[in-house]
N, C-alpha and C. Protein backbone atom coordinates (compact mmCIF):
# COMPACT_ATOMS: atom_id res chain seq x y z
N UNK A 1 -8.63 9.45 3.75
CA UNK A 1 -7.37 8.79 3.52
C UNK A 1 -7.42 7.41 4.13
N UNK A 2 -6.91 6.43 3.43
CA UNK A 2 -6.90 5.06 3.93
C UNK A 2 -5.77 4.91 4.93
N UNK A 3 -6.09 4.43 6.14
CA UNK A 3 -5.05 4.19 7.14
C UNK A 3 -4.24 2.96 6.79
N UNK A 4 -4.84 2.03 6.11
CA UNK A 4 -4.18 0.78 5.79
C UNK A 4 -4.09 0.64 4.28
N UNK A 5 -3.02 0.04 3.78
CA UNK A 5 -2.96 -0.22 2.35
C UNK A 5 -4.08 -1.18 1.97
N UNK A 6 -4.55 -1.10 0.73
CA UNK A 6 -5.63 -1.98 0.32
C UNK A 6 -5.14 -3.39 0.07
N UNK A 7 -3.88 -3.56 -0.19
CA UNK A 7 -3.34 -4.90 -0.43
C UNK A 7 -2.05 -5.04 0.36
N UNK A 8 -1.91 -6.16 1.01
CA UNK A 8 -0.68 -6.42 1.74
C UNK A 8 0.15 -7.43 1.00
N UNK A 9 1.45 -7.30 1.08
CA UNK A 9 2.30 -8.30 0.46
C UNK A 9 2.12 -9.63 1.17
N UNK A 10 2.21 -10.71 0.42
CA UNK A 10 2.12 -12.00 1.10
C UNK A 10 3.29 -12.10 2.06
N UNK A 11 3.02 -12.61 3.22
CA UNK A 11 4.06 -12.71 4.23
C UNK A 11 4.04 -11.54 5.20
N UNK A 12 3.25 -10.52 4.94
CA UNK A 12 3.21 -9.38 5.83
C UNK A 12 2.32 -9.69 7.02
N UNK A 13 2.96 -9.94 8.13
CA UNK A 13 2.22 -10.17 9.34
C UNK A 13 1.61 -11.55 9.47
N UNK A 14 1.90 -12.47 8.58
CA UNK A 14 1.34 -13.81 8.67
C UNK A 14 2.45 -14.81 8.88
N UNK A 15 2.49 -15.45 10.06
CA UNK A 15 3.58 -16.36 10.37
C UNK A 15 3.68 -17.54 9.41
N UNK A 16 2.57 -17.98 8.85
CA UNK A 16 2.64 -19.14 7.95
C UNK A 16 3.40 -18.84 6.67
N UNK A 17 3.47 -17.56 6.28
CA UNK A 17 4.23 -17.19 5.08
C UNK A 17 5.68 -16.87 5.39
N UNK A 18 6.04 -16.81 6.66
CA UNK A 18 7.39 -16.46 7.07
C UNK A 18 8.30 -17.67 6.90
N UNK A 19 9.25 -17.58 5.97
CA UNK A 19 10.15 -18.71 5.73
C UNK A 19 11.41 -18.64 6.60
N UNK A 20 11.43 -17.70 7.56
CA UNK A 20 12.57 -17.60 8.46
C UNK A 20 13.70 -16.72 7.92
N UNK A 21 13.62 -16.36 6.65
CA UNK A 21 14.64 -15.47 6.08
C UNK A 21 14.28 -14.04 6.43
N UNK A 22 15.29 -13.21 6.49
CA UNK A 22 15.04 -11.80 6.73
C UNK A 22 14.34 -11.18 5.54
N UNK A 23 13.81 -10.01 5.75
CA UNK A 23 13.10 -9.32 4.68
C UNK A 23 13.49 -7.85 4.69
N UNK A 24 13.76 -7.35 3.50
CA UNK A 24 14.10 -5.95 3.34
C UNK A 24 13.01 -5.30 2.50
N UNK A 25 12.32 -4.34 3.08
CA UNK A 25 11.24 -3.63 2.41
C UNK A 25 11.84 -2.33 1.90
N UNK A 26 11.61 -2.04 0.62
CA UNK A 26 12.18 -0.83 0.03
C UNK A 26 11.10 -0.07 -0.73
N UNK A 27 11.05 1.24 -0.49
CA UNK A 27 10.11 2.10 -1.20
C UNK A 27 10.67 2.43 -2.58
N UNK A 28 9.84 2.21 -3.61
CA UNK A 28 10.27 2.43 -4.99
C UNK A 28 9.27 3.35 -5.69
N UNK A 29 9.75 4.53 -6.09
CA UNK A 29 8.89 5.47 -6.82
C UNK A 29 9.33 5.64 -8.26
N UNK A 30 10.56 5.23 -8.56
CA UNK A 30 11.12 5.45 -9.89
C UNK A 30 12.11 6.60 -9.92
N UNK A 31 12.20 7.37 -8.83
CA UNK A 31 13.16 8.47 -8.78
C UNK A 31 14.57 7.90 -8.66
N UNK A 32 15.57 8.75 -8.95
CA UNK A 32 16.96 8.31 -8.79
C UNK A 32 17.24 7.87 -7.36
N UNK A 33 16.69 8.61 -6.39
CA UNK A 33 16.90 8.27 -4.99
C UNK A 33 16.30 6.91 -4.64
N UNK A 34 15.11 6.62 -5.16
CA UNK A 34 14.49 5.33 -4.84
C UNK A 34 15.22 4.18 -5.55
N UNK A 35 15.77 4.44 -6.73
CA UNK A 35 16.53 3.40 -7.42
C UNK A 35 17.84 3.12 -6.67
N UNK A 36 18.45 4.17 -6.11
CA UNK A 36 19.64 3.97 -5.28
C UNK A 36 19.28 3.15 -4.04
N UNK A 37 18.12 3.44 -3.45
CA UNK A 37 17.67 2.67 -2.28
C UNK A 37 17.41 1.22 -2.66
N UNK A 38 16.86 0.99 -3.84
CA UNK A 38 16.59 -0.38 -4.30
C UNK A 38 17.89 -1.15 -4.47
N UNK A 39 18.90 -0.52 -5.05
CA UNK A 39 20.20 -1.19 -5.21
C UNK A 39 20.83 -1.47 -3.84
N UNK A 40 20.68 -0.54 -2.91
CA UNK A 40 21.21 -0.77 -1.56
C UNK A 40 20.46 -1.90 -0.87
N UNK A 41 19.15 -1.97 -1.07
CA UNK A 41 18.36 -3.05 -0.48
C UNK A 41 18.80 -4.41 -1.03
N UNK A 42 19.08 -4.47 -2.32
CA UNK A 42 19.54 -5.73 -2.93
C UNK A 42 20.92 -6.11 -2.36
N UNK A 43 21.80 -5.13 -2.20
CA UNK A 43 23.13 -5.41 -1.63
C UNK A 43 22.99 -5.93 -0.20
N UNK A 44 22.10 -5.33 0.58
CA UNK A 44 21.86 -5.79 1.95
C UNK A 44 21.25 -7.19 1.95
N UNK A 45 20.35 -7.46 1.00
CA UNK A 45 19.73 -8.78 0.91
C UNK A 45 20.77 -9.85 0.60
N UNK A 46 21.71 -9.54 -0.27
CA UNK A 46 22.80 -10.49 -0.55
C UNK A 46 23.62 -10.76 0.71
N UNK A 47 23.95 -9.69 1.41
CA UNK A 47 24.78 -9.80 2.61
C UNK A 47 24.06 -10.58 3.71
N UNK A 48 22.77 -10.38 3.85
CA UNK A 48 22.00 -10.98 4.94
C UNK A 48 21.23 -12.24 4.54
N UNK A 49 21.34 -12.64 3.28
CA UNK A 49 20.54 -13.75 2.74
C UNK A 49 19.05 -13.52 3.02
N UNK A 50 18.59 -12.37 2.59
CA UNK A 50 17.20 -11.96 2.83
C UNK A 50 16.48 -11.78 1.50
N UNK A 51 15.18 -11.63 1.57
CA UNK A 51 14.41 -11.31 0.38
C UNK A 51 14.14 -9.81 0.35
N UNK A 52 13.87 -9.29 -0.83
CA UNK A 52 13.55 -7.88 -1.00
C UNK A 52 12.08 -7.76 -1.39
N UNK A 53 11.38 -6.87 -0.72
CA UNK A 53 10.00 -6.54 -1.07
C UNK A 53 10.00 -5.10 -1.54
N UNK A 54 9.85 -4.90 -2.85
CA UNK A 54 9.80 -3.56 -3.44
C UNK A 54 8.36 -3.07 -3.40
N UNK A 55 8.14 -1.90 -2.79
CA UNK A 55 6.80 -1.38 -2.58
C UNK A 55 6.68 -0.01 -3.27
N UNK A 56 5.68 0.09 -4.13
CA UNK A 56 5.34 1.38 -4.74
C UNK A 56 4.00 1.81 -4.15
N UNK A 57 3.97 2.96 -3.52
CA UNK A 57 2.75 3.46 -2.87
C UNK A 57 2.05 4.44 -3.81
N UNK A 58 0.72 4.38 -3.80
CA UNK A 58 -0.05 5.27 -4.67
C UNK A 58 -1.35 5.67 -3.99
N UNK A 59 -1.87 6.80 -4.42
CA UNK A 59 -3.19 7.25 -3.99
C UNK A 59 -3.97 7.64 -5.24
N UNK A 60 -5.30 7.65 -5.16
CA UNK A 60 -6.09 8.05 -6.33
C UNK A 60 -5.81 9.50 -6.71
N UNK A 61 -6.07 9.83 -7.95
CA UNK A 61 -5.94 11.22 -8.41
C UNK A 61 -6.82 12.08 -7.52
N UNK A 62 -6.26 13.16 -7.00
CA UNK A 62 -7.01 14.02 -6.08
C UNK A 62 -6.92 13.58 -4.64
N UNK A 63 -6.21 12.49 -4.37
CA UNK A 63 -6.04 12.00 -3.00
C UNK A 63 -7.25 11.22 -2.51
N UNK A 64 -7.11 10.65 -1.34
CA UNK A 64 -8.20 9.85 -0.76
C UNK A 64 -9.43 10.70 -0.47
N UNK A 65 -9.21 11.92 0.03
CA UNK A 65 -10.35 12.79 0.33
C UNK A 65 -11.13 13.10 -0.95
N UNK A 66 -10.42 13.45 -2.01
CA UNK A 66 -11.08 13.74 -3.28
C UNK A 66 -11.82 12.54 -3.82
N UNK A 67 -11.22 11.35 -3.66
CA UNK A 67 -11.89 10.15 -4.18
C UNK A 67 -13.15 9.84 -3.37
N UNK A 68 -13.10 10.04 -2.06
CA UNK A 68 -14.30 9.79 -1.25
C UNK A 68 -15.42 10.75 -1.63
N UNK A 69 -15.07 11.98 -1.99
CA UNK A 69 -16.10 12.97 -2.38
C UNK A 69 -16.70 12.63 -3.73
N UNK A 70 -15.88 12.12 -4.65
CA UNK A 70 -16.35 11.80 -6.01
C UNK A 70 -15.79 10.46 -6.46
N UNK A 71 -16.32 9.37 -5.93
CA UNK A 71 -15.76 8.07 -6.31
C UNK A 71 -15.97 7.76 -7.79
N UNK A 72 -14.97 7.17 -8.39
CA UNK A 72 -15.02 6.80 -9.80
C UNK A 72 -14.23 5.51 -9.97
N UNK A 73 -14.90 4.35 -9.87
CA UNK A 73 -14.19 3.08 -9.96
C UNK A 73 -13.31 2.92 -11.19
N UNK A 74 -13.74 3.36 -12.39
CA UNK A 74 -12.82 3.22 -13.53
C UNK A 74 -11.53 4.03 -13.36
N UNK A 75 -11.64 5.22 -12.78
CA UNK A 75 -10.45 6.04 -12.53
C UNK A 75 -9.55 5.36 -11.50
N UNK A 76 -10.16 4.79 -10.46
CA UNK A 76 -9.39 4.09 -9.44
C UNK A 76 -8.64 2.90 -10.06
N UNK A 77 -9.32 2.17 -10.93
CA UNK A 77 -8.68 1.04 -11.61
C UNK A 77 -7.53 1.51 -12.49
N UNK A 78 -7.71 2.63 -13.17
CA UNK A 78 -6.64 3.18 -14.01
C UNK A 78 -5.45 3.61 -13.15
N UNK A 79 -5.71 4.19 -11.98
CA UNK A 79 -4.63 4.59 -11.07
C UNK A 79 -3.88 3.36 -10.57
N UNK A 80 -4.60 2.31 -10.23
CA UNK A 80 -3.97 1.07 -9.75
C UNK A 80 -3.09 0.48 -10.85
N UNK A 81 -3.61 0.44 -12.08
CA UNK A 81 -2.84 -0.10 -13.21
C UNK A 81 -1.60 0.75 -13.48
N UNK A 82 -1.75 2.08 -13.40
CA UNK A 82 -0.62 2.97 -13.64
C UNK A 82 0.46 2.77 -12.57
N UNK A 83 0.05 2.55 -11.32
CA UNK A 83 1.02 2.31 -10.25
C UNK A 83 1.78 1.00 -10.48
N UNK A 84 1.06 -0.04 -10.89
CA UNK A 84 1.73 -1.33 -11.17
C UNK A 84 2.70 -1.18 -12.33
N UNK A 85 2.31 -0.43 -13.35
CA UNK A 85 3.19 -0.19 -14.50
C UNK A 85 4.42 0.60 -14.08
N UNK A 86 4.22 1.62 -13.28
CA UNK A 86 5.36 2.44 -12.83
C UNK A 86 6.34 1.59 -12.02
N UNK A 87 5.83 0.70 -11.19
CA UNK A 87 6.70 -0.17 -10.40
C UNK A 87 7.49 -1.11 -11.30
N UNK A 88 6.82 -1.72 -12.27
CA UNK A 88 7.53 -2.61 -13.22
C UNK A 88 8.60 -1.85 -13.97
N UNK A 89 8.28 -0.65 -14.43
CA UNK A 89 9.25 0.15 -15.18
C UNK A 89 10.44 0.54 -14.30
N UNK A 90 10.18 0.86 -13.04
CA UNK A 90 11.27 1.22 -12.13
C UNK A 90 12.19 0.02 -11.90
N UNK A 91 11.61 -1.17 -11.74
CA UNK A 91 12.42 -2.37 -11.55
C UNK A 91 13.23 -2.68 -12.80
N UNK A 92 12.60 -2.53 -13.97
CA UNK A 92 13.33 -2.73 -15.23
C UNK A 92 14.47 -1.73 -15.36
N UNK A 93 14.19 -0.48 -15.02
CA UNK A 93 15.22 0.56 -15.12
C UNK A 93 16.36 0.27 -14.13
N UNK A 94 16.01 -0.18 -12.95
CA UNK A 94 17.04 -0.43 -11.93
C UNK A 94 17.95 -1.59 -12.30
N UNK A 95 17.39 -2.63 -12.91
CA UNK A 95 18.16 -3.84 -13.15
C UNK A 95 18.38 -4.13 -14.63
N UNK A 96 17.96 -3.23 -15.50
CA UNK A 96 18.19 -3.39 -16.93
C UNK A 96 17.58 -4.67 -17.49
N UNK A 97 16.45 -5.09 -16.94
CA UNK A 97 15.78 -6.29 -17.44
C UNK A 97 16.41 -7.59 -16.96
N UNK A 98 17.45 -7.51 -16.13
CA UNK A 98 18.08 -8.73 -15.61
C UNK A 98 17.57 -8.99 -14.19
N UNK A 99 17.86 -10.17 -13.69
CA UNK A 99 17.46 -10.51 -12.33
C UNK A 99 18.49 -9.96 -11.36
N UNK A 100 18.05 -9.49 -10.20
CA UNK A 100 18.99 -8.88 -9.26
C UNK A 100 19.86 -9.88 -8.48
N UNK A 101 19.55 -11.17 -8.57
CA UNK A 101 20.36 -12.16 -7.86
C UNK A 101 19.92 -12.44 -6.44
N UNK A 102 18.77 -11.89 -6.04
CA UNK A 102 18.17 -12.18 -4.74
C UNK A 102 16.68 -12.42 -4.97
N UNK A 103 16.04 -12.99 -3.97
CA UNK A 103 14.58 -13.16 -4.07
C UNK A 103 13.95 -11.78 -3.99
N UNK A 104 13.18 -11.44 -5.02
CA UNK A 104 12.57 -10.11 -5.11
C UNK A 104 11.08 -10.25 -5.38
N UNK A 105 10.29 -9.64 -4.52
CA UNK A 105 8.85 -9.55 -4.75
C UNK A 105 8.52 -8.06 -4.85
N UNK A 106 7.44 -7.75 -5.52
CA UNK A 106 7.04 -6.35 -5.64
C UNK A 106 5.54 -6.23 -5.51
N UNK A 107 5.12 -5.06 -5.04
CA UNK A 107 3.69 -4.81 -4.85
C UNK A 107 3.43 -3.31 -4.93
N UNK A 108 2.33 -2.95 -5.56
CA UNK A 108 1.85 -1.57 -5.56
C UNK A 108 0.77 -1.49 -4.48
N UNK A 109 0.92 -0.57 -3.54
CA UNK A 109 0.05 -0.49 -2.38
C UNK A 109 -0.65 0.86 -2.36
N UNK A 110 -1.96 0.84 -2.21
CA UNK A 110 -2.72 2.07 -2.10
C UNK A 110 -2.61 2.62 -0.69
N UNK A 111 -2.14 3.84 -0.59
CA UNK A 111 -2.02 4.49 0.71
C UNK A 111 -0.96 5.56 0.69
N UNK A 112 -1.01 6.43 1.69
CA UNK A 112 0.02 7.45 1.82
C UNK A 112 1.36 6.75 2.03
N UNK A 113 2.40 7.26 1.42
CA UNK A 113 3.67 6.56 1.34
C UNK A 113 4.22 6.13 2.70
N UNK A 114 4.37 7.03 3.63
CA UNK A 114 4.95 6.68 4.92
C UNK A 114 4.13 5.61 5.64
N UNK A 115 2.83 5.82 5.71
CA UNK A 115 1.97 4.88 6.41
C UNK A 115 1.98 3.51 5.74
N UNK A 116 1.93 3.48 4.43
CA UNK A 116 1.91 2.20 3.72
C UNK A 116 3.22 1.45 3.89
N UNK A 117 4.34 2.16 3.83
CA UNK A 117 5.64 1.50 4.00
C UNK A 117 5.80 0.94 5.41
N UNK A 118 5.40 1.71 6.41
CA UNK A 118 5.48 1.25 7.79
C UNK A 118 4.58 0.02 7.98
N UNK A 119 3.43 0.03 7.34
CA UNK A 119 2.51 -1.11 7.44
C UNK A 119 3.10 -2.35 6.77
N UNK A 120 3.78 -2.16 5.66
CA UNK A 120 4.39 -3.31 4.96
C UNK A 120 5.60 -3.85 5.73
N UNK A 121 6.37 -2.97 6.34
CA UNK A 121 7.55 -3.39 7.11
C UNK A 121 7.12 -3.59 8.55
N UNK A 122 6.29 -4.59 8.78
CA UNK A 122 5.64 -4.76 10.07
C UNK A 122 6.31 -5.75 11.01
N UNK A 123 7.38 -6.38 10.57
CA UNK A 123 8.08 -7.35 11.42
C UNK A 123 9.27 -6.66 12.09
N UNK A 124 9.54 -6.98 13.35
CA UNK A 124 10.68 -6.35 14.03
C UNK A 124 12.02 -6.64 13.36
N UNK A 125 12.13 -7.79 12.66
CA UNK A 125 13.40 -8.12 12.01
C UNK A 125 13.47 -7.66 10.56
N UNK A 126 12.46 -6.92 10.08
CA UNK A 126 12.52 -6.32 8.75
C UNK A 126 13.54 -5.19 8.77
N UNK A 127 13.95 -4.78 7.59
CA UNK A 127 14.74 -3.58 7.40
C UNK A 127 14.01 -2.75 6.36
N UNK A 128 13.70 -1.51 6.66
CA UNK A 128 13.02 -0.63 5.73
C UNK A 128 14.06 0.30 5.12
N UNK A 129 14.19 0.28 3.78
CA UNK A 129 15.18 1.08 3.08
C UNK A 129 14.47 2.13 2.23
N UNK A 130 14.91 3.38 2.36
CA UNK A 130 14.30 4.50 1.64
C UNK A 130 15.36 5.40 1.05
N UNK A 131 15.02 6.04 -0.05
CA UNK A 131 15.88 7.10 -0.57
C UNK A 131 15.64 8.34 0.27
N UNK A 132 16.69 9.10 0.55
CA UNK A 132 16.56 10.27 1.42
C UNK A 132 15.72 11.36 0.78
N UNK A 133 15.77 11.52 -0.53
CA UNK A 133 14.93 12.48 -1.22
C UNK A 133 15.36 13.92 -1.03
N UNK A 134 14.77 14.84 -1.81
CA UNK A 134 15.12 16.26 -1.71
C UNK A 134 14.56 16.85 -0.43
N UNK A 135 15.34 17.61 0.29
CA UNK A 135 14.85 18.18 1.54
C UNK A 135 15.14 19.66 1.62
N UNK A 136 14.97 20.38 0.55
CA UNK A 136 15.11 21.82 0.59
C UNK A 136 13.94 22.43 1.35
N UNK A 137 14.01 23.72 1.60
CA UNK A 137 12.98 24.42 2.36
C UNK A 137 11.61 24.27 1.71
N UNK A 138 11.54 24.46 0.40
CA UNK A 138 10.26 24.35 -0.29
C UNK A 138 9.74 22.92 -0.25
N UNK A 139 10.63 21.94 -0.46
CA UNK A 139 10.21 20.53 -0.42
C UNK A 139 9.65 20.17 0.95
N UNK A 140 10.30 20.64 2.01
CA UNK A 140 9.80 20.34 3.36
C UNK A 140 8.44 20.97 3.59
N UNK A 141 8.24 22.17 3.04
CA UNK A 141 6.97 22.86 3.24
C UNK A 141 5.84 22.16 2.48
N UNK A 142 6.12 21.68 1.28
CA UNK A 142 5.08 21.08 0.45
C UNK A 142 4.83 19.61 0.76
N UNK A 143 5.88 18.88 1.11
CA UNK A 143 5.77 17.43 1.32
C UNK A 143 6.48 17.04 2.61
N UNK A 144 5.73 16.60 3.60
CA UNK A 144 6.40 16.13 4.82
C UNK A 144 7.35 14.98 4.49
N UNK A 145 8.37 14.82 5.26
CA UNK A 145 9.39 13.82 5.01
C UNK A 145 8.87 12.40 5.28
N UNK A 146 8.86 11.60 4.23
CA UNK A 146 8.49 10.20 4.38
C UNK A 146 9.51 9.48 5.26
N UNK A 147 10.78 9.80 5.07
CA UNK A 147 11.83 9.17 5.86
C UNK A 147 11.62 9.46 7.35
N UNK A 148 11.38 10.72 7.69
CA UNK A 148 11.17 11.09 9.09
C UNK A 148 9.95 10.36 9.66
N UNK A 149 8.88 10.27 8.88
CA UNK A 149 7.69 9.55 9.33
C UNK A 149 8.03 8.09 9.63
N UNK A 150 8.74 7.46 8.71
CA UNK A 150 9.08 6.04 8.87
C UNK A 150 9.99 5.81 10.07
N UNK A 151 10.96 6.70 10.27
CA UNK A 151 11.86 6.57 11.42
C UNK A 151 11.06 6.65 12.72
N UNK A 152 10.07 7.54 12.77
CA UNK A 152 9.27 7.71 13.98
C UNK A 152 8.31 6.55 14.22
N UNK A 153 7.77 5.94 13.16
CA UNK A 153 6.68 4.98 13.32
C UNK A 153 7.01 3.52 13.02
N UNK A 154 8.11 3.25 12.39
CA UNK A 154 8.41 1.86 11.98
C UNK A 154 8.76 1.01 13.20
N UNK A 155 8.36 -0.26 13.13
CA UNK A 155 8.67 -1.23 14.18
C UNK A 155 10.01 -1.91 13.91
N UNK A 156 10.70 -1.49 12.87
CA UNK A 156 11.95 -2.12 12.47
C UNK A 156 12.98 -1.02 12.17
N UNK A 157 14.25 -1.42 11.99
CA UNK A 157 15.25 -0.41 11.61
C UNK A 157 14.94 0.21 10.24
N UNK A 158 15.31 1.47 10.09
CA UNK A 158 15.09 2.20 8.84
C UNK A 158 16.46 2.68 8.34
N UNK A 159 16.75 2.41 7.08
CA UNK A 159 17.99 2.85 6.46
C UNK A 159 17.65 3.88 5.40
N UNK A 160 18.14 5.12 5.58
CA UNK A 160 17.92 6.18 4.61
C UNK A 160 19.17 6.28 3.74
N UNK A 161 19.01 6.04 2.45
CA UNK A 161 20.12 6.05 1.50
C UNK A 161 20.25 7.46 0.95
N UNK A 162 21.44 8.07 1.06
CA UNK A 162 21.61 9.43 0.54
C UNK A 162 21.45 9.49 -0.97
N UNK A 163 21.23 10.70 -1.45
CA UNK A 163 21.12 10.89 -2.89
C UNK A 163 22.35 10.35 -3.60
N UNK A 164 22.14 9.72 -4.76
CA UNK A 164 23.32 9.28 -5.52
C UNK A 164 24.07 10.49 -6.08
N UNK A 165 25.37 10.36 -6.31
CA UNK A 165 26.16 11.49 -6.82
C UNK A 165 25.58 12.08 -8.11
N UNK A 166 25.08 11.24 -9.01
CA UNK A 166 24.51 11.75 -10.26
C UNK A 166 23.35 12.69 -9.98
N UNK A 167 22.49 12.34 -9.04
CA UNK A 167 21.36 13.20 -8.71
C UNK A 167 21.84 14.52 -8.13
N UNK A 168 22.85 14.49 -7.27
CA UNK A 168 23.38 15.74 -6.71
C UNK A 168 23.96 16.61 -7.80
N UNK A 169 24.68 16.00 -8.76
CA UNK A 169 25.26 16.77 -9.86
C UNK A 169 24.18 17.38 -10.74
N UNK A 170 23.14 16.61 -11.03
CA UNK A 170 22.05 17.15 -11.86
C UNK A 170 21.35 18.31 -11.17
N UNK A 171 21.12 18.19 -9.87
CA UNK A 171 20.48 19.28 -9.12
C UNK A 171 21.38 20.51 -9.10
N UNK A 172 22.69 20.32 -8.96
CA UNK A 172 23.61 21.46 -8.96
C UNK A 172 23.61 22.14 -10.32
N UNK A 173 23.59 21.35 -11.41
CA UNK A 173 23.54 21.94 -12.75
C UNK A 173 22.24 22.71 -12.95
N UNK A 174 21.14 22.17 -12.44
CA UNK A 174 19.86 22.86 -12.58
C UNK A 174 19.87 24.19 -11.82
N UNK A 175 20.40 24.18 -10.59
CA UNK A 175 20.49 25.42 -9.81
C UNK A 175 21.37 26.44 -10.53
N UNK A 176 22.50 25.95 -11.09
CA UNK A 176 23.42 26.83 -11.80
C UNK A 176 22.74 27.45 -13.02
N UNK A 177 22.01 26.66 -13.78
CA UNK A 177 21.36 27.20 -14.99
C UNK A 177 20.25 28.16 -14.60
N UNK A 178 19.53 27.92 -13.51
CA UNK A 178 18.51 28.85 -13.05
C UNK A 178 19.13 30.17 -12.63
N UNK A 179 20.26 30.10 -11.98
CA UNK A 179 20.96 31.30 -11.51
C UNK A 179 21.42 32.12 -12.72
N UNK A 180 21.97 31.44 -13.73
CA UNK A 180 22.44 32.15 -14.94
C UNK A 180 21.28 32.78 -15.66
N UNK A 181 20.14 32.11 -15.74
CA UNK A 181 18.98 32.69 -16.41
C UNK A 181 18.46 33.90 -15.66
N UNK A 182 18.49 33.85 -14.35
CA UNK A 182 18.01 34.97 -13.54
C UNK A 182 18.93 36.18 -13.68
N UNK A 183 20.23 35.96 -13.70
CA UNK A 183 21.20 37.05 -13.78
C UNK A 183 21.15 37.72 -15.15
N UNK A 184 21.01 36.94 -16.23
CA UNK A 184 21.05 37.50 -17.58
C UNK A 184 19.70 38.05 -18.02
N UNK A 185 18.65 37.71 -17.37
CA UNK A 185 17.33 38.14 -17.81
C UNK A 185 17.02 39.57 -17.47
């Protein structure tokens, strides 16, 4: 597993790129929760006159361990391209093809999500914004909490945006339909 992202956003850790404005780093996966976090990051950027750095984290198919065991540069290139495409699509979906009204930069970063986000939000005056994500028992068992990792390791404040109401309603409908299928089956 790569401890460091393979590409850093310009301005990350380099004083010559620092224009003195605040920076809000936001994790973007394309999920409803990450889109809510992106909108919250833009609102905070307007309020603070800051720029937004949208970060999509990715790892090769099979993870870093699998890639080290069987490296395949064309597959790695395809994964990188797919991550960049997913980030563009998420930004388009979030803003409907319009500009958000703040300075927005985006980058797809190779690395485990929590580690890569903490690495990108490396300034003490940054704000790291994340969607809270699903935290049911099974989700906690299968996927450690990125938010908890970032809160423990980030050098800057971390803002966890709760699930949007639409996502909560969709999850409730899904649970309800699963319950009805189980009872009638």
